[in-house]
N, C-alpha and C. Protein backbone atom coordinates (compact mmCIF):
# COMPACT_ATOMS: atom_id res chain seq x y z
N MET A 1 -23.68 40.03 -15.08
CA MET A 1 -23.14 39.64 -13.91
C MET A 1 -21.77 39.59 -14.51
N ASP A 2 -20.74 40.02 -13.57
CA ASP A 2 -19.27 40.10 -13.67
C ASP A 2 -19.10 39.03 -12.50
N LEU A 3 -18.34 38.29 -12.92
CA LEU A 3 -17.90 37.07 -12.12
C LEU A 3 -16.32 37.05 -12.00
N PRO A 4 -16.19 37.01 -10.36
CA PRO A 4 -14.47 37.01 -10.30
C PRO A 4 -13.75 36.09 -11.72
N PRO A 5 -11.94 36.07 -11.59
CA PRO A 5 -11.32 34.66 -12.17
C PRO A 5 -11.81 33.74 -11.77
N TYR A 6 -11.84 32.78 -12.39
CA TYR A 6 -11.84 30.99 -11.67
C TYR A 6 -10.40 30.59 -12.12
N SER A 7 -10.16 30.22 -11.40
CA SER A 7 -9.48 28.59 -11.37
C SER A 7 -9.78 27.42 -10.88
N PRO A 8 -10.44 26.15 -11.40
CA PRO A 8 -11.33 25.03 -10.61
C PRO A 8 -9.91 24.45 -9.96
N GLY A 9 -8.90 24.74 -10.50
CA GLY A 9 -7.73 23.89 -9.51
C GLY A 9 -6.85 23.42 -10.61
N LEU A 10 -5.12 22.38 -9.29
CA LEU A 10 -4.04 22.24 -9.99
C LEU A 10 -4.32 20.36 -10.28
N HIS A 11 -3.72 20.63 -11.86
CA HIS A 11 -3.35 18.96 -11.96
C HIS A 11 -2.16 18.57 -12.22
N LYS A 12 -1.32 17.79 -11.32
CA LYS A 12 -0.37 17.09 -10.95
C LYS A 12 -0.09 16.20 -12.19
N LEU A 13 1.12 15.90 -12.55
CA LEU A 13 1.46 14.69 -13.25
C LEU A 13 2.33 14.13 -12.93
N VAL A 14 2.58 13.13 -12.86
CA VAL A 14 4.69 12.81 -12.47
C VAL A 14 4.53 11.15 -12.78
N THR A 15 5.92 11.20 -13.38
CA THR A 15 6.12 9.84 -13.92
C THR A 15 7.23 9.66 -12.67
N LEU A 16 7.53 8.69 -12.26
CA LEU A 16 8.14 8.34 -11.11
C LEU A 16 9.14 7.05 -11.41
N HIS A 17 10.51 7.02 -10.71
CA HIS A 17 11.27 5.74 -10.52
C HIS A 17 11.36 4.79 -9.09
N VAL A 18 10.77 3.64 -8.99
CA VAL A 18 10.96 3.34 -7.64
C VAL A 18 11.64 1.82 -7.92
N ASP A 19 12.23 1.55 -6.90
CA ASP A 19 13.62 0.89 -7.46
C ASP A 19 12.74 -0.93 -6.10
N LYS A 20 11.96 -0.50 -5.68
CA LYS A 20 11.13 -1.61 -4.94
C LYS A 20 10.07 -1.71 -5.73
N THR A 21 10.04 -2.63 -6.94
CA THR A 21 9.43 -3.14 -7.50
C THR A 21 7.90 -3.88 -7.28
N GLU A 22 8.47 -4.23 -6.13
CA GLU A 22 7.35 -5.26 -5.94
C GLU A 22 5.52 -3.48 -5.36
N LYS A 23 6.23 -2.97 -5.12
CA LYS A 23 5.22 -1.70 -5.00
C LYS A 23 4.53 -1.67 -6.21
N LEU A 24 5.26 -2.05 -7.58
CA LEU A 24 4.75 -1.29 -8.89
C LEU A 24 3.74 -2.60 -9.37
N THR A 25 3.37 -3.57 -8.33
CA THR A 25 2.89 -4.94 -8.20
C THR A 25 1.38 -5.03 -7.68
N ASP A 26 1.56 -4.47 -6.54
CA ASP A 26 0.72 -4.16 -5.75
C ASP A 26 -0.68 -3.93 -5.17
N SER A 27 -1.30 -3.97 -6.51
CA SER A 27 -2.08 -2.81 -6.21
C SER A 27 -2.98 -3.03 -5.20
N LYS A 28 -2.92 -3.80 -4.46
CA LYS A 28 -4.34 -3.67 -3.03
C LYS A 28 -3.52 -2.58 -2.36
N GLY A 29 -1.79 -2.53 -2.16
CA GLY A 29 -0.62 -1.71 -1.69
C GLY A 29 -1.62 -0.03 -1.74
N PHE A 30 -1.57 0.08 -3.15
CA PHE A 30 -1.80 1.30 -3.11
C PHE A 30 -3.64 1.45 -2.96
N VAL A 31 -3.98 0.53 -2.68
CA VAL A 31 -5.75 0.91 -2.34
C VAL A 31 -5.56 1.16 -0.96
N THR A 32 -5.39 0.34 -0.26
CA THR A 32 -4.75 0.92 0.97
C THR A 32 -4.71 2.58 1.21
N VAL A 33 -2.88 2.51 1.03
CA VAL A 33 -2.83 3.33 0.84
C VAL A 33 -3.30 5.15 0.58
N THR A 34 -4.21 4.63 -0.65
CA THR A 34 -4.85 5.55 -1.20
C THR A 34 -6.04 5.68 -0.21
N ASN A 35 -6.72 4.45 0.17
CA ASN A 35 -8.18 4.53 1.17
C ASN A 35 -7.00 5.62 2.38
N SER A 36 -6.21 5.40 2.75
CA SER A 36 -5.33 6.53 4.27
C SER A 36 -5.03 7.85 3.47
N ILE A 37 -5.05 8.39 2.15
CA ILE A 37 -4.37 9.48 1.82
C ILE A 37 -5.95 10.31 1.83
N LEU A 38 -7.28 9.40 1.18
CA LEU A 38 -8.50 10.02 1.27
C LEU A 38 -8.82 10.41 2.56
N GLU A 39 -8.91 9.71 3.30
CA GLU A 39 -9.64 10.10 4.54
C GLU A 39 -8.69 10.96 5.56
N LYS A 40 -7.49 11.19 5.34
CA LYS A 40 -6.37 12.42 5.97
C LYS A 40 -6.33 13.66 5.20
N TYR A 41 -7.01 13.76 4.19
CA TYR A 41 -7.24 14.96 3.77
C TYR A 41 -8.86 15.71 2.94
N GLU A 42 -9.95 14.08 3.65
CA GLU A 42 -10.83 14.26 3.52
C GLU A 42 -11.94 14.80 2.13
N LEU A 43 -11.09 13.60 1.24
CA LEU A 43 -11.59 13.98 -0.35
C LEU A 43 -12.74 12.50 0.28
N GLU A 44 -13.53 12.76 -1.27
CA GLU A 44 -14.86 11.78 -1.17
C GLU A 44 -14.92 10.69 -2.15
N LYS A 45 -14.32 9.47 -1.89
CA LYS A 45 -14.35 8.60 -3.53
C LYS A 45 -15.53 8.94 -4.08
N VAL A 46 -16.15 8.44 -5.20
CA VAL A 46 -17.64 9.17 -5.67
C VAL A 46 -17.48 7.27 -6.63
N GLY A 47 -16.01 6.41 -6.62
CA GLY A 47 -16.11 4.93 -7.46
C GLY A 47 -14.86 5.01 -7.65
N ALA A 48 -14.34 3.88 -7.31
CA ALA A 48 -13.35 2.88 -8.15
C ALA A 48 -12.59 1.81 -9.10
N VAL A 49 -11.59 1.98 -10.17
CA VAL A 49 -11.68 0.97 -11.00
C VAL A 49 -10.23 0.43 -10.70
N VAL A 50 -9.93 -0.68 -10.48
CA VAL A 50 -8.62 -1.42 -10.28
C VAL A 50 -8.56 -2.76 -11.42
N HIS A 51 -7.18 -2.50 -12.31
CA HIS A 51 -7.33 -3.71 -13.06
C HIS A 51 -5.65 -4.13 -12.80
N ASP A 52 -5.99 -5.51 -12.60
CA ASP A 52 -4.12 -5.65 -12.75
C ASP A 52 -4.04 -7.17 -14.32
N PHE A 53 -2.99 -6.24 -14.05
CA PHE A 53 -2.67 -7.62 -16.24
C PHE A 53 -1.80 -8.54 -15.49
N GLU A 54 -1.88 -9.12 -16.54
CA GLU A 54 -1.01 -10.68 -16.43
C GLU A 54 0.62 -10.33 -15.66
N ASN A 55 1.15 -9.34 -16.27
CA ASN A 55 2.37 -9.34 -15.39
C ASN A 55 2.59 -8.44 -14.41
N ASP A 56 1.69 -8.48 -13.78
CA ASP A 56 0.90 -7.92 -12.37
C ASP A 56 1.44 -6.70 -12.39
N SER A 57 1.59 -5.77 -13.18
CA SER A 57 1.65 -4.12 -13.09
C SER A 57 0.22 -3.98 -12.83
N PHE A 58 -0.91 -2.33 -13.00
CA PHE A 58 -1.89 -2.27 -12.90
C PHE A 58 -2.45 -1.33 -12.60
N THR A 59 -3.38 -1.33 -12.88
CA THR A 59 -3.90 0.57 -13.39
C THR A 59 -4.84 0.94 -12.50
N ILE A 60 -5.29 2.19 -12.33
CA ILE A 60 -6.28 1.60 -10.98
C ILE A 60 -6.82 3.51 -11.28
N SER A 61 -8.16 4.01 -11.28
CA SER A 61 -8.16 5.28 -11.11
C SER A 61 -9.62 5.10 -10.26
N TYR A 62 -9.61 6.40 -9.20
CA TYR A 62 -10.26 7.15 -8.20
C TYR A 62 -10.94 8.11 -8.95
N CYS A 63 -12.14 7.70 -8.97
CA CYS A 63 -13.17 8.98 -9.27
C CYS A 63 -13.47 9.58 -8.00
N LEU A 64 -13.07 10.82 -7.61
CA LEU A 64 -13.78 11.61 -6.38
C LEU A 64 -14.65 12.92 -6.87
N LYS A 65 -15.35 13.24 -6.07
CA LYS A 65 -16.23 14.25 -5.94
C LYS A 65 -15.30 15.67 -6.79
N GLU A 66 -14.33 15.52 -5.35
CA GLU A 66 -13.16 16.76 -6.23
C GLU A 66 -12.41 16.01 -7.84
N SER A 67 -12.46 15.39 -8.10
CA SER A 67 -12.07 14.72 -9.25
C SER A 67 -11.24 13.96 -9.25
N HIS A 68 -9.58 13.18 -9.25
CA HIS A 68 -9.12 12.16 -9.66
C HIS A 68 -8.36 11.41 -9.32
N ILE A 69 -7.84 10.50 -9.29
CA ILE A 69 -6.77 10.01 -9.20
C ILE A 69 -6.17 8.95 -9.33
N CYS A 70 -4.99 8.72 -10.69
CA CYS A 70 -5.24 7.66 -11.03
C CYS A 70 -3.40 7.51 -12.01
N ILE A 71 -3.36 5.86 -11.76
CA ILE A 71 -2.00 5.03 -11.80
C ILE A 71 -1.89 4.75 -12.35
N HIS A 72 -0.98 4.15 -13.22
CA HIS A 72 -0.28 2.90 -14.04
C HIS A 72 1.33 3.09 -13.90
N THR A 73 1.27 1.22 -13.81
CA THR A 73 2.55 0.82 -13.31
C THR A 73 3.27 0.26 -14.66
N TRP A 74 4.58 0.27 -14.78
CA TRP A 74 5.37 -0.40 -15.66
C TRP A 74 6.68 -0.98 -14.81
N PRO A 75 6.28 -2.24 -13.56
CA PRO A 75 7.26 -2.61 -12.94
C PRO A 75 8.58 -3.00 -14.08
N GLU A 76 8.56 -3.91 -15.51
CA GLU A 76 9.59 -4.07 -16.35
C GLU A 76 10.00 -2.68 -16.48
N TYR A 77 9.95 -1.89 -16.12
CA TYR A 77 10.54 -0.27 -16.34
C TYR A 77 10.76 0.62 -15.06
N ASN A 78 10.50 -0.40 -13.44
CA ASN A 78 11.18 0.46 -12.69
C ASN A 78 10.35 1.81 -12.43
N GLN A 79 8.62 1.87 -13.24
CA GLN A 79 7.86 3.18 -13.24
C GLN A 79 6.66 3.27 -13.05
N LEU A 80 6.05 4.46 -12.87
CA LEU A 80 4.79 4.71 -13.00
C LEU A 80 4.45 6.14 -13.41
N THR A 81 3.06 6.58 -13.94
CA THR A 81 3.02 7.56 -14.22
C THR A 81 1.76 8.23 -12.90
N LEU A 82 1.16 8.66 -12.55
CA LEU A 82 0.32 9.11 -11.65
C LEU A 82 -0.43 10.42 -11.89
N ASP A 83 -1.62 10.99 -11.60
CA ASP A 83 -2.51 11.78 -12.30
C ASP A 83 -3.10 11.93 -11.03
N VAL A 84 -3.26 12.86 -10.03
CA VAL A 84 -4.23 14.13 -8.84
C VAL A 84 -4.61 15.32 -9.49
N TYR A 85 -5.38 15.28 -9.63
CA TYR A 85 -6.89 16.91 -10.03
C TYR A 85 -7.57 16.98 -9.02
N LEU A 86 -7.24 17.65 -8.21
CA LEU A 86 -8.73 18.35 -7.57
C LEU A 86 -9.26 19.45 -7.55
N CYS A 87 -10.34 19.81 -7.93
CA CYS A 87 -10.77 21.40 -8.06
C CYS A 87 -12.00 21.04 -7.01
N ASN A 88 -12.75 22.45 -6.60
CA ASN A 88 -13.34 22.60 -5.60
C ASN A 88 -13.85 24.40 -6.44
N TYR A 89 -15.21 24.54 -6.25
CA TYR A 89 -15.19 25.78 -6.58
C TYR A 89 -15.40 26.92 -5.53
N LEU A 90 -15.43 26.44 -4.03
CA LEU A 90 -15.63 27.26 -2.98
C LEU A 90 -13.94 27.23 -2.61
N GLN A 91 -12.74 26.51 -2.84
CA GLN A 91 -11.20 26.46 -2.35
C GLN A 91 -10.50 26.41 -3.19
N ASP A 92 -9.24 26.88 -2.74
CA ASP A 92 -7.64 27.22 -3.64
C ASP A 92 -6.98 25.07 -2.79
N ASN A 93 -7.48 23.75 -4.10
CA ASN A 93 -7.19 22.99 -3.21
C ASN A 93 -5.74 22.49 -4.03
N SER A 94 -4.82 23.54 -4.23
CA SER A 94 -3.10 23.11 -4.77
C SER A 94 -2.20 22.99 -3.71
N GLN A 95 -2.57 22.80 -2.75
CA GLN A 95 -1.65 22.45 -1.34
C GLN A 95 -2.30 20.95 -1.26
N LYS A 96 -2.64 21.31 -1.75
CA LYS A 96 -3.45 19.98 -0.95
C LYS A 96 -3.14 19.02 -2.12
N VAL A 97 -3.25 19.08 -3.47
CA VAL A 97 -2.88 18.31 -4.28
C VAL A 97 -1.23 18.29 -4.62
N ARG A 98 -0.11 19.27 -3.83
CA ARG A 98 1.26 18.34 -3.88
C ARG A 98 1.44 17.83 -2.62
N ALA A 99 0.50 17.76 -1.61
CA ALA A 99 0.26 17.38 -0.11
C ALA A 99 0.12 15.92 -0.91
N VAL A 100 -0.40 15.27 -1.34
CA VAL A 100 -1.43 13.69 -1.67
C VAL A 100 -0.01 13.11 -2.78
N MET A 101 0.55 14.40 -3.89
CA MET A 101 1.42 13.89 -4.08
C MET A 101 2.71 13.08 -3.71
N ALA A 102 2.88 14.07 -2.33
CA ALA A 102 3.97 14.26 -1.90
C ALA A 102 4.10 12.94 -1.17
N ASP A 103 2.08 12.02 -0.79
CA ASP A 103 2.32 11.02 0.01
C ASP A 103 1.99 9.97 -0.43
N TYR A 104 2.20 10.30 -1.86
CA TYR A 104 2.83 9.22 -3.00
C TYR A 104 4.06 8.57 -2.80
N VAL A 105 4.86 10.02 -3.44
CA VAL A 105 6.37 10.05 -3.36
C VAL A 105 6.86 8.54 -2.22
N THR A 106 6.32 9.47 -1.13
CA THR A 106 7.49 8.84 -0.05
C THR A 106 6.80 7.44 0.30
N TYR A 107 5.47 6.61 -0.34
CA TYR A 107 5.02 5.63 -0.23
C TYR A 107 5.46 4.88 -1.36
N PHE A 108 6.08 5.27 -2.41
CA PHE A 108 7.23 4.40 -3.38
C PHE A 108 8.17 4.75 -3.26
N GLU A 109 8.46 5.29 -2.16
CA GLU A 109 10.37 5.65 -1.75
C GLU A 109 10.39 6.33 -3.31
N ALA A 110 10.20 6.74 -4.29
CA ALA A 110 10.34 7.03 -5.58
C ALA A 110 10.86 8.12 -5.62
N GLU A 111 11.71 8.39 -7.03
CA GLU A 111 12.78 9.67 -7.37
C GLU A 111 11.85 10.28 -8.75
N ILE A 112 11.35 11.46 -8.92
CA ILE A 112 10.84 12.02 -9.13
C ILE A 112 11.73 11.92 -11.03
N ILE A 113 10.92 11.36 -12.07
CA ILE A 113 11.41 11.65 -13.10
C ILE A 113 10.89 13.40 -14.46
N LYS A 114 9.57 12.96 -14.07
CA LYS A 114 9.13 13.99 -14.62
C LYS A 114 8.01 14.79 -13.58
N ASP A 115 7.23 15.99 -13.76
CA ASP A 115 7.01 16.46 -12.64
C ASP A 115 6.16 18.10 -13.39
N PHE A 116 4.83 17.78 -13.57
CA PHE A 116 4.15 18.84 -14.41
C PHE A 116 2.80 18.93 -13.28
N GLU A 117 2.73 20.40 -13.38
CA GLU A 117 1.76 21.04 -12.60
C GLU A 117 1.14 21.96 -14.09
N ILE A 118 -0.52 21.25 -13.97
CA ILE A 118 -1.36 22.68 -14.86
C ILE A 118 -2.25 23.23 -13.98
N ASN A 119 -2.75 24.65 -13.83
CA ASN A 119 -3.66 25.26 -13.45
C ASN A 119 -4.57 25.42 -14.55
N ARG A 120 -5.51 24.64 -14.06
CA ARG A 120 -6.95 23.96 -14.56
C ARG A 120 -8.05 25.40 -15.08
């Protein structure tokens, strides 16, 4: 059986500089904006884990039907790393990945330090 070439999706990873440190310590704000993004782009949450550290930084992982969104913040360095991967065997979600990431950059009012795209 010959199958057409398959690329499951785009994986985008960024490191952002954020001047507003309070956004790097507000895990509840990130959860709120992520829930809005999930609704906006019709993404389905399977589960989420939130961990707040002693210095108020946080790490959050969203498991999605389409794959995942993960964040780690470092307020002491005004930075965060963010990872968005959406795969789908029925459609190409590359533009959706880029749009989701752009929404996060806007939310954090951030400057992009590193920006990687991996076609999986």
